[in-house]
Amino acid sequence: MNRVRVLKMKPLVVVAIVAILAIPVVVIYELNGHSLDLTDRQAILVITDSMDGDEHGYAIGSFPANTLVMVQHLSDLDKRFLRAGDVVSYESHGKLEHHRIIESNAGYYYVQGDNNHSIERVNLDQINGKVIGSSPWLGKVIILIKDNFLAFLGAMSVLCFVLILLAAYNRDNKTEVVG
């Protein structure tokens, strides 16, 4: 007679495992312009408030300081097809900036932060890529973790320990013999 051990897991443990696996996928999908393709992408934490202005109805709206943005790197050809309203990531005076294109011309763009009054001329070779998604709340989570890393590490250790205990408890006490 064949005997098979069946592991019965509590629904709460199953939900916790699914959530732990699904939440990062959903976050990446939302931040990445509703795509799971991470080719030629870079997540950048924008720490200035230069894009914290009035909403204009563009695909990428204004965003406050400490926002995580997803930047899609562009080929030289793709850089020529950017248009007014797009938010670009570009090098300026040794720093990476993220501002909205307000006007284009042959070989360069004029950009301005939504919270800035100054306009800057940006050459195509300065452009790193196009912002395709932003998440202020995820930026705040990153800042919180960065500022309180030891507390975060302790909380994650406790969470892992509890999950291991739950899994061990379920394995030892929730099996039945079928067959």
Protein backbone atom coordinates (compact mmCIF):
# COMPACT_ATOMS: atom_id res chain seq x y z
CA MET A 1 0.00 0.00 0.00
CA ASN A 2 1.34 3.42 -1.00
CA ARG A 3 1.43 6.11 1.63
CA VAL A 4 1.69 9.78 0.69
CA ARG A 5 2.28 12.62 3.14
CA VAL A 6 0.19 15.69 2.37
CA LEU A 7 1.28 19.03 3.79
CA LYS A 8 -1.64 21.19 4.89
CA MET A 9 -0.77 24.86 5.19
CA LYS A 10 -2.88 27.42 6.95
CA PRO A 11 -4.54 29.88 4.54
CA LEU A 12 -2.83 32.83 6.25
CA VAL A 13 0.63 31.38 5.55
CA VAL A 14 -0.30 30.79 1.90
CA VAL A 15 -1.58 34.37 1.57
CA ALA A 16 1.61 35.72 3.20
CA ILE A 17 3.84 33.75 0.81
CA VAL A 18 1.83 34.83 -2.25
CA ALA A 19 1.89 38.47 -1.10
CA ILE A 20 5.65 38.40 -0.50
CA LEU A 21 6.15 37.09 -4.03
CA ALA A 22 3.49 39.21 -5.79
CA ILE A 23 4.05 42.65 -4.27
CA PRO A 24 7.49 43.23 -5.87
CA VAL A 25 6.13 42.14 -9.26
CA VAL A 26 3.21 44.59 -9.02
CA VAL A 27 5.51 47.41 -7.89
CA ILE A 28 7.91 46.82 -10.79
CA TYR A 29 4.99 46.64 -13.25
CA GLU A 30 3.53 49.95 -12.06
CA LEU A 31 6.87 51.79 -11.83
CA ASN A 32 8.05 50.45 -15.17
CA GLY A 33 5.29 51.97 -17.31
CA HIS A 34 3.00 48.91 -17.03
CA SER A 35 5.65 46.50 -18.26
CA LEU A 36 7.77 43.75 -16.71
CA ASP A 37 10.54 44.30 -19.29
CA LEU A 38 13.56 45.64 -17.38
CA THR A 39 15.85 45.84 -20.40
CA ASP A 40 17.66 49.18 -20.57
CA ARG A 41 15.97 50.47 -17.41
CA GLN A 42 17.34 52.16 -14.30
CA ALA A 43 15.59 53.02 -11.04
CA ILE A 44 16.74 56.38 -9.65
CA LEU A 45 15.80 58.15 -6.42
CA VAL A 46 15.14 61.85 -7.19
CA ILE A 47 15.95 63.78 -4.00
CA THR A 48 15.18 67.33 -5.17
CA ASP A 49 11.80 69.03 -5.46
CA SER A 50 12.44 70.53 -8.91
CA MET A 51 9.62 68.42 -10.40
CA ASP A 52 7.11 69.15 -7.59
CA GLY A 53 4.86 71.58 -9.44
CA ASP A 54 1.41 71.92 -10.92
CA GLU A 55 -0.10 68.97 -12.76
CA HIS A 56 -0.15 69.39 -16.53
CA GLY A 57 -1.96 66.23 -17.63
CA TYR A 58 1.15 64.59 -19.08
CA ALA A 59 1.82 60.84 -18.95
CA ILE A 60 4.39 61.50 -16.21
CA GLY A 61 3.01 64.10 -13.83
CA SER A 62 4.82 66.25 -11.33
CA PHE A 63 6.45 64.43 -8.44
CA PRO A 64 7.80 65.50 -5.03
CA ALA A 65 11.31 65.13 -3.65
CA ASN A 66 12.34 61.59 -2.67
CA THR A 67 10.43 59.94 -5.54
CA LEU A 68 11.69 56.74 -7.14
CA VAL A 69 11.61 57.06 -10.95
CA MET A 70 12.17 54.44 -13.64
CA VAL A 71 14.30 55.69 -16.52
CA GLN A 72 14.35 53.95 -19.89
CA HIS A 73 17.74 54.41 -21.55
CA LEU A 74 17.44 55.65 -25.13
CA SER A 75 19.47 55.12 -28.28
CA ASP A 76 20.73 58.18 -30.15
CA LEU A 77 17.92 57.66 -32.67
CA ASP A 78 15.23 57.38 -29.96
CA LYS A 79 16.44 60.61 -28.35
CA ARG A 80 15.40 62.46 -31.51
CA PHE A 81 11.76 61.41 -31.02
CA LEU A 82 11.29 62.90 -27.56
CA ARG A 83 8.61 65.57 -27.41
CA ALA A 84 7.33 68.39 -25.23
CA GLY A 85 5.92 67.01 -21.97
CA ASP A 86 8.35 64.07 -21.72
CA VAL A 87 10.49 63.99 -18.57
CA VAL A 88 14.12 63.23 -19.34
CA SER A 89 17.09 62.20 -17.25
CA TYR A 90 20.21 64.11 -18.29
CA GLU A 91 23.70 65.11 -17.13
CA SER A 92 24.19 68.74 -16.12
CA HIS A 93 27.31 70.06 -14.37
CA GLY A 94 28.28 66.55 -13.25
CA LYS A 95 24.85 65.74 -11.76
CA LEU A 96 21.92 63.72 -13.05
CA GLU A 97 18.82 65.92 -13.46
CA HIS A 98 15.20 65.03 -14.28
CA HIS A 99 13.18 67.75 -15.98
CA ARG A 100 10.38 68.13 -18.49
CA ILE A 101 10.99 68.98 -22.14
CA ILE A 102 9.20 72.23 -22.95
CA GLU A 103 10.52 72.76 -26.48
CA SER A 104 12.67 70.95 -29.02
CA ASN A 105 15.04 72.13 -31.71
CA ALA A 106 17.48 70.44 -34.08
CA GLY A 107 19.92 68.52 -31.89
CA TYR A 108 18.84 69.82 -28.50
CA TYR A 109 15.90 70.34 -26.14
CA TYR A 110 14.85 73.03 -23.72
CA VAL A 111 13.94 71.54 -20.32
CA GLN A 112 12.51 72.92 -17.11
CA GLY A 113 11.57 71.44 -13.77
CA ASP A 114 7.86 71.79 -12.93
CA ASN A 115 8.93 73.73 -9.80
CA ASN A 116 11.66 75.79 -11.53
CA HIS A 117 11.61 79.10 -13.34
CA SER A 118 14.90 78.59 -15.16
CA ILE A 119 15.07 76.88 -18.55
CA GLU A 120 18.09 74.81 -19.54
CA ARG A 121 19.30 73.83 -23.01
CA VAL A 122 20.20 70.11 -23.17
CA ASN A 123 22.10 68.50 -26.05
CA LEU A 124 21.14 65.00 -27.18
CA ASP A 125 24.44 63.56 -25.91
CA GLN A 126 23.60 64.78 -22.36
CA ILE A 127 20.36 62.76 -22.25
CA ASN A 128 20.53 59.54 -20.26
CA GLY A 129 16.94 58.45 -20.89
CA LYS A 130 13.22 59.09 -20.50
CA VAL A 131 11.31 58.80 -17.22
CA ILE A 132 8.57 56.19 -17.78
CA GLY A 133 7.25 55.79 -14.23
CA SER A 134 7.40 57.37 -10.79
CA SER A 135 6.47 56.34 -7.27
CA PRO A 136 6.63 58.86 -4.40
CA TRP A 137 5.57 56.25 -1.81
CA LEU A 138 8.26 53.77 -2.89
CA GLY A 139 10.82 56.59 -2.67
CA LYS A 140 9.67 57.29 0.89
CA VAL A 141 10.04 53.58 1.75
CA ILE A 142 13.61 53.61 0.39
CA ILE A 143 14.45 56.74 2.40
CA LEU A 144 12.90 55.17 5.52
CA ILE A 145 14.94 51.98 5.06
CA LYS A 146 18.10 53.95 4.33
CA ASP A 147 17.69 56.20 7.37
CA ASN A 148 16.74 53.30 9.69
CA PHE A 149 18.65 50.41 8.19
CA LEU A 150 19.43 48.59 11.44
CA ALA A 151 15.77 48.72 12.53
CA PHE A 152 14.71 47.47 9.08
CA LEU A 153 17.26 44.66 9.21
CA GLY A 154 16.02 43.66 12.68
CA ALA A 155 12.36 43.69 11.57
CA MET A 156 13.16 41.56 8.49
CA SER A 157 15.11 39.11 10.67
CA VAL A 158 12.17 38.75 13.06
CA LEU A 159 9.76 38.31 10.13
CA CYS A 160 11.94 35.59 8.58
CA PHE A 161 12.26 33.85 11.95
CA VAL A 162 8.46 33.88 12.44
CA LEU A 163 7.87 32.51 8.93
CA ILE A 164 10.41 29.73 9.51
CA LEU A 165 8.71 28.85 12.80
CA LEU A 166 5.29 28.80 11.11
CA ALA A 167 6.57 26.58 8.32
CA ALA A 168 8.19 24.19 10.80
CA TYR A 169 5.02 24.10 12.92
CA ASN A 170 2.89 23.36 9.86
CA ARG A 171 5.28 20.65 8.68
CA ASP A 172 5.41 18.90 12.06
CA ASN A 173 1.75 19.20 13.09
CA LYS A 174 -0.34 19.43 9.94
CA THR A 175 0.39 16.35 7.89
CA GLU A 176 -1.88 13.43 7.39
CA VAL A 177 -1.29 10.07 5.88
CA VAL A 178 -3.34 9.38 2.76
CA GLY A 179 -3.54 6.07 1.01
